[in-house]
N, C-alpha and C. Protein backbone atom coordinates (compact mmCIF):
# COMPACT_ATOMS: atom_id res chain seq x y z
N VAL A 1 98.01 100.36 68.61
CA VAL A 1 97.25 101.32 69.36
C VAL A 1 97.07 102.61 68.56
N ARG A 2 98.09 103.02 67.80
CA ARG A 2 97.99 104.27 67.04
C ARG A 2 96.95 104.20 65.94
N ALA A 3 96.59 103.00 65.54
CA ALA A 3 95.58 102.85 64.49
C ALA A 3 94.20 103.28 64.98
N SER A 4 93.99 103.26 66.26
CA SER A 4 92.70 103.66 66.84
C SER A 4 92.88 105.03 67.50
N ALA A 5 92.30 106.05 66.88
CA ALA A 5 92.44 107.41 67.41
C ALA A 5 91.90 107.52 68.83
N ASP A 6 90.79 106.84 69.10
CA ASP A 6 90.19 106.89 70.42
C ASP A 6 91.11 106.26 71.47
N LEU A 7 91.64 105.10 71.15
CA LEU A 7 92.55 104.41 72.07
C LEU A 7 93.84 105.19 72.27
N TRP A 8 94.38 105.73 71.19
CA TRP A 8 95.61 106.53 71.27
C TRP A 8 95.37 107.77 72.14
N GLY A 9 94.22 108.41 71.99
CA GLY A 9 93.90 109.57 72.80
C GLY A 9 93.80 109.24 74.27
N ARG A 10 93.17 108.12 74.58
CA ARG A 10 93.06 107.71 75.99
C ARG A 10 94.43 107.39 76.58
N LEU A 11 95.27 106.75 75.79
CA LEU A 11 96.61 106.42 76.26
C LEU A 11 97.41 107.70 76.54
N GLY A 12 97.32 108.66 75.61
CA GLY A 12 98.03 109.93 75.80
C GLY A 12 97.55 110.67 77.04
N ALA A 13 96.23 110.75 77.21
CA ALA A 13 95.67 111.44 78.37
C ALA A 13 96.04 110.72 79.67
N SER A 14 96.04 109.40 79.64
CA SER A 14 96.42 108.63 80.84
C SER A 14 97.89 108.85 81.18
N ALA A 15 98.74 108.91 80.18
CA ALA A 15 100.17 109.13 80.42
C ALA A 15 100.41 110.51 81.03
N VAL A 16 99.71 111.51 80.51
CA VAL A 16 99.85 112.86 81.07
C VAL A 16 99.34 112.86 82.51
N GLY A 17 98.21 112.21 82.78
CA GLY A 17 97.69 112.13 84.13
C GLY A 17 98.63 111.45 85.09
N ALA A 18 99.24 110.36 84.65
CA ALA A 18 100.20 109.65 85.50
C ALA A 18 101.40 110.53 85.81
N GLU A 19 101.87 111.27 84.83
CA GLU A 19 103.00 112.18 85.05
C GLU A 19 102.62 113.32 85.99
N LEU A 20 101.41 113.86 85.83
CA LEU A 20 100.94 114.90 86.75
C LEU A 20 100.90 114.38 88.18
N LEU A 21 100.38 113.18 88.36
CA LEU A 21 100.34 112.59 89.70
C LEU A 21 101.74 112.43 90.27
N ALA A 22 102.66 111.97 89.45
CA ALA A 22 104.03 111.77 89.92
C ALA A 22 104.68 113.09 90.30
N ARG A 23 104.41 114.14 89.54
CA ARG A 23 105.01 115.45 89.81
C ARG A 23 104.35 116.16 90.99
N ARG A 24 103.07 115.95 91.19
CA ARG A 24 102.30 116.77 92.11
C ARG A 24 102.07 116.14 93.48
N ARG A 25 102.31 114.88 93.63
CA ARG A 25 101.98 114.21 94.90
C ARG A 25 103.04 114.50 95.95
N PRO A 26 102.69 115.27 96.96
CA PRO A 26 103.64 115.50 98.05
C PRO A 26 103.92 114.17 98.76
N PRO A 27 105.14 113.97 99.22
CA PRO A 27 105.48 112.70 99.87
C PRO A 27 104.57 112.31 101.03
N SER A 28 104.03 113.30 101.73
CA SER A 28 103.20 112.99 102.90
C SER A 28 101.71 112.88 102.56
N SER A 29 101.36 113.06 101.30
CA SER A 29 99.94 113.07 100.93
C SER A 29 99.56 111.83 100.13
N GLU A 30 98.40 111.30 100.45
CA GLU A 30 97.87 110.19 99.65
C GLU A 30 96.85 110.71 98.65
N GLN A 31 96.51 111.99 98.71
CA GLN A 31 95.48 112.57 97.86
C GLN A 31 96.03 113.81 97.15
N PRO A 32 96.61 113.65 95.97
CA PRO A 32 97.12 114.83 95.25
C PRO A 32 95.97 115.69 94.74
N ALA A 33 96.23 116.96 94.55
CA ALA A 33 95.23 117.90 94.05
C ALA A 33 95.23 117.86 92.52
N LEU A 34 94.41 116.98 91.98
CA LEU A 34 94.31 116.81 90.53
C LEU A 34 92.87 116.43 90.23
N TYR A 35 92.22 117.20 89.36
CA TYR A 35 90.79 117.02 89.15
C TYR A 35 90.44 116.94 87.67
N TYR A 36 89.24 116.44 87.41
CA TYR A 36 88.62 116.38 86.08
C TYR A 36 87.40 117.27 86.16
N TRP A 37 87.10 118.02 85.09
CA TRP A 37 85.94 118.90 85.09
C TRP A 37 85.03 118.56 83.92
N HIS A 38 83.73 118.49 84.20
CA HIS A 38 82.73 118.19 83.17
C HIS A 38 81.46 118.95 83.49
N GLU A 39 80.96 119.68 82.51
CA GLU A 39 79.72 120.43 82.71
C GLU A 39 79.07 120.70 81.37
N ALA A 40 77.78 120.41 81.28
CA ALA A 40 76.98 120.68 80.08
C ALA A 40 77.63 120.10 78.82
N GLY A 41 78.16 118.89 78.93
CA GLY A 41 78.74 118.24 77.77
C GLY A 41 80.14 118.68 77.40
N ARG A 42 80.72 119.55 78.18
CA ARG A 42 82.10 120.01 77.93
C ARG A 42 82.97 119.51 79.07
N GLU A 43 84.26 119.30 78.75
CA GLU A 43 85.15 118.75 79.77
C GLU A 43 86.55 119.31 79.65
N VAL A 44 87.28 119.20 80.75
CA VAL A 44 88.71 119.51 80.80
C VAL A 44 89.36 118.29 81.41
N ASP A 45 90.40 117.79 80.75
CA ASP A 45 91.05 116.56 81.21
C ASP A 45 91.61 116.68 82.62
N TYR A 46 92.31 117.76 82.90
CA TYR A 46 92.94 117.90 84.22
C TYR A 46 92.84 119.34 84.70
N VAL A 47 92.39 119.51 85.92
CA VAL A 47 92.38 120.80 86.60
C VAL A 47 93.35 120.68 87.76
N VAL A 48 94.31 121.59 87.80
CA VAL A 48 95.39 121.50 88.78
C VAL A 48 95.53 122.82 89.53
N PRO A 49 95.09 122.86 90.79
CA PRO A 49 95.35 124.05 91.59
C PRO A 49 96.81 124.04 92.05
N ASP A 50 97.43 125.20 92.01
CA ASP A 50 98.84 125.31 92.41
C ASP A 50 99.02 126.65 93.12
N GLY A 51 98.88 126.63 94.44
CA GLY A 51 98.95 127.87 95.21
C GLY A 51 97.81 128.78 94.79
N GLN A 52 98.14 129.98 94.34
CA GLN A 52 97.13 130.94 93.89
C GLN A 52 96.72 130.71 92.43
N ASP A 53 97.43 129.84 91.73
CA ASP A 53 97.16 129.58 90.32
C ASP A 53 96.22 128.40 90.14
N LEU A 54 95.50 128.40 89.03
CA LEU A 54 94.63 127.31 88.66
C LEU A 54 94.90 126.99 87.19
N PHE A 55 95.35 125.78 86.92
CA PHE A 55 95.67 125.37 85.56
C PHE A 55 94.60 124.41 85.04
N ALA A 56 94.28 124.55 83.77
CA ALA A 56 93.33 123.66 83.10
C ALA A 56 94.06 123.06 81.91
N LEU A 57 94.26 121.74 81.92
CA LEU A 57 95.01 121.06 80.87
C LEU A 57 94.09 120.19 80.03
N GLU A 58 94.22 120.33 78.74
CA GLU A 58 93.50 119.50 77.79
C GLU A 58 94.54 118.75 76.97
N VAL A 59 94.43 117.43 76.90
CA VAL A 59 95.39 116.61 76.18
C VAL A 59 94.80 116.27 74.81
N LYS A 60 95.57 116.56 73.77
CA LYS A 60 95.15 116.29 72.39
C LYS A 60 96.21 115.44 71.71
N SER A 61 95.78 114.34 71.09
CA SER A 61 96.77 113.45 70.47
C SER A 61 96.44 113.15 69.01
N GLY A 62 95.49 113.84 68.44
CA GLY A 62 95.13 113.62 67.04
C GLY A 62 96.12 114.24 66.08
N ARG A 63 95.85 114.09 64.81
CA ARG A 63 96.73 114.66 63.79
C ARG A 63 96.43 116.12 63.53
N GLN A 64 95.19 116.53 63.83
CA GLN A 64 94.78 117.91 63.62
C GLN A 64 94.43 118.52 64.97
N ARG A 65 94.52 119.83 65.01
CA ARG A 65 94.17 120.56 66.23
C ARG A 65 92.78 120.15 66.69
N GLY A 66 92.65 119.81 67.95
CA GLY A 66 91.39 119.32 68.49
C GLY A 66 90.49 120.42 69.02
N ASN A 67 89.33 120.02 69.41
CA ASN A 67 88.31 120.88 69.97
C ASN A 67 88.72 121.30 71.39
N VAL A 68 88.71 122.59 71.66
CA VAL A 68 89.06 123.08 72.99
C VAL A 68 87.89 123.83 73.63
N GLN A 69 86.67 123.47 73.26
CA GLN A 69 85.49 124.12 73.83
C GLN A 69 85.40 123.92 75.34
N GLY A 70 85.92 122.80 75.82
CA GLY A 70 85.93 122.56 77.25
C GLY A 70 86.78 123.58 77.99
N LEU A 71 87.96 123.88 77.43
CA LEU A 71 88.82 124.90 78.04
C LEU A 71 88.13 126.25 78.03
N ASP A 72 87.48 126.58 76.92
CA ASP A 72 86.77 127.86 76.81
C ASP A 72 85.66 127.95 77.85
N ALA A 73 84.89 126.89 78.01
CA ALA A 73 83.80 126.87 78.99
C ALA A 73 84.34 126.96 80.41
N PHE A 74 85.43 126.26 80.68
CA PHE A 74 86.04 126.30 82.01
C PHE A 74 86.50 127.71 82.33
N ARG A 75 87.14 128.37 81.37
CA ARG A 75 87.62 129.74 81.61
C ARG A 75 86.48 130.72 81.75
N ALA A 76 85.33 130.45 81.13
CA ALA A 76 84.17 131.31 81.32
C ALA A 76 83.69 131.23 82.77
N THR A 77 83.80 130.05 83.36
CA THR A 77 83.38 129.84 84.75
C THR A 77 84.47 130.26 85.73
N PHE A 78 85.73 129.99 85.36
CA PHE A 78 86.88 130.30 86.21
C PHE A 78 87.86 131.16 85.40
N PRO A 79 87.59 132.47 85.28
CA PRO A 79 88.40 133.32 84.40
C PRO A 79 89.87 133.43 84.81
N GLN A 80 90.19 133.12 86.05
CA GLN A 80 91.58 133.18 86.50
C GLN A 80 92.40 131.98 86.03
N ALA A 81 91.72 130.95 85.53
CA ALA A 81 92.41 129.71 85.14
C ALA A 81 93.36 129.95 83.98
N ARG A 82 94.46 129.23 84.02
CA ARG A 82 95.47 129.30 82.96
C ARG A 82 95.34 128.03 82.12
N PRO A 83 94.84 128.17 80.87
CA PRO A 83 94.64 126.99 80.03
C PRO A 83 95.93 126.53 79.37
N LEU A 84 96.01 125.23 79.14
CA LEU A 84 97.15 124.66 78.44
C LEU A 84 96.69 123.46 77.64
N VAL A 85 97.01 123.48 76.35
CA VAL A 85 96.78 122.32 75.50
C VAL A 85 98.10 121.57 75.42
N VAL A 86 98.07 120.30 75.78
CA VAL A 86 99.26 119.45 75.71
C VAL A 86 99.04 118.48 74.57
N GLY A 87 99.93 118.52 73.59
CA GLY A 87 99.79 117.65 72.42
C GLY A 87 99.45 118.47 71.19
N THR A 88 98.71 117.89 70.27
CA THR A 88 98.38 118.50 69.00
C THR A 88 97.74 119.87 69.18
N GLY A 89 98.34 120.89 68.56
CA GLY A 89 97.81 122.24 68.65
C GLY A 89 98.29 123.01 69.87
N GLY A 90 99.15 122.42 70.65
CA GLY A 90 99.66 123.08 71.86
C GLY A 90 101.10 122.68 72.11
N LEU A 91 101.45 122.59 73.35
CA LEU A 91 102.80 122.18 73.76
C LEU A 91 102.99 120.71 73.39
N GLU A 92 104.03 120.41 72.65
CA GLU A 92 104.26 119.03 72.21
C GLU A 92 104.37 118.09 73.41
N LEU A 93 103.77 116.90 73.26
CA LEU A 93 103.79 115.92 74.34
C LEU A 93 105.21 115.63 74.82
N GLN A 94 106.12 115.39 73.89
CA GLN A 94 107.50 115.06 74.27
C GLN A 94 108.12 116.20 75.07
N HIS A 95 107.91 117.43 74.64
CA HIS A 95 108.45 118.58 75.35
C HIS A 95 107.86 118.66 76.76
N TRP A 96 106.55 118.44 76.87
CA TRP A 96 105.88 118.51 78.18
C TRP A 96 106.44 117.45 79.12
N PHE A 97 106.63 116.22 78.61
CA PHE A 97 107.15 115.15 79.47
C PHE A 97 108.59 115.44 79.92
N VAL A 98 109.39 116.02 79.06
CA VAL A 98 110.79 116.27 79.41
C VAL A 98 110.95 117.52 80.25
N HIS A 99 110.27 118.61 79.87
CA HIS A 99 110.51 119.90 80.50
C HIS A 99 109.38 120.40 81.39
N GLY A 100 108.22 119.80 81.32
CA GLY A 100 107.07 120.29 82.08
C GLY A 100 106.44 121.47 81.39
N ALA A 101 105.51 122.07 82.05
CA ALA A 101 104.78 123.20 81.46
C ALA A 101 105.45 124.51 81.81
């Protein structure tokens, strides 16, 4: 899987999404508050409202720092959002899985 950057990236993003769902799903809810954002060709992997806070997470699994134009565009639309890169160029994946954000 690591030989294919595209497949490895999807696996990493899916793992982060699964962990977000596990952390964020209240026991009484079947619909956790976890979203994907896409506009004008830019995207954010996960948008997570948390009380008064709004988090925008972008998962990067490449060897070099990835493109974060989606986070920039999201923050232009939602300036209160708190961006976070998980993986390459941001918080290490292993650290995020063990300790959270």
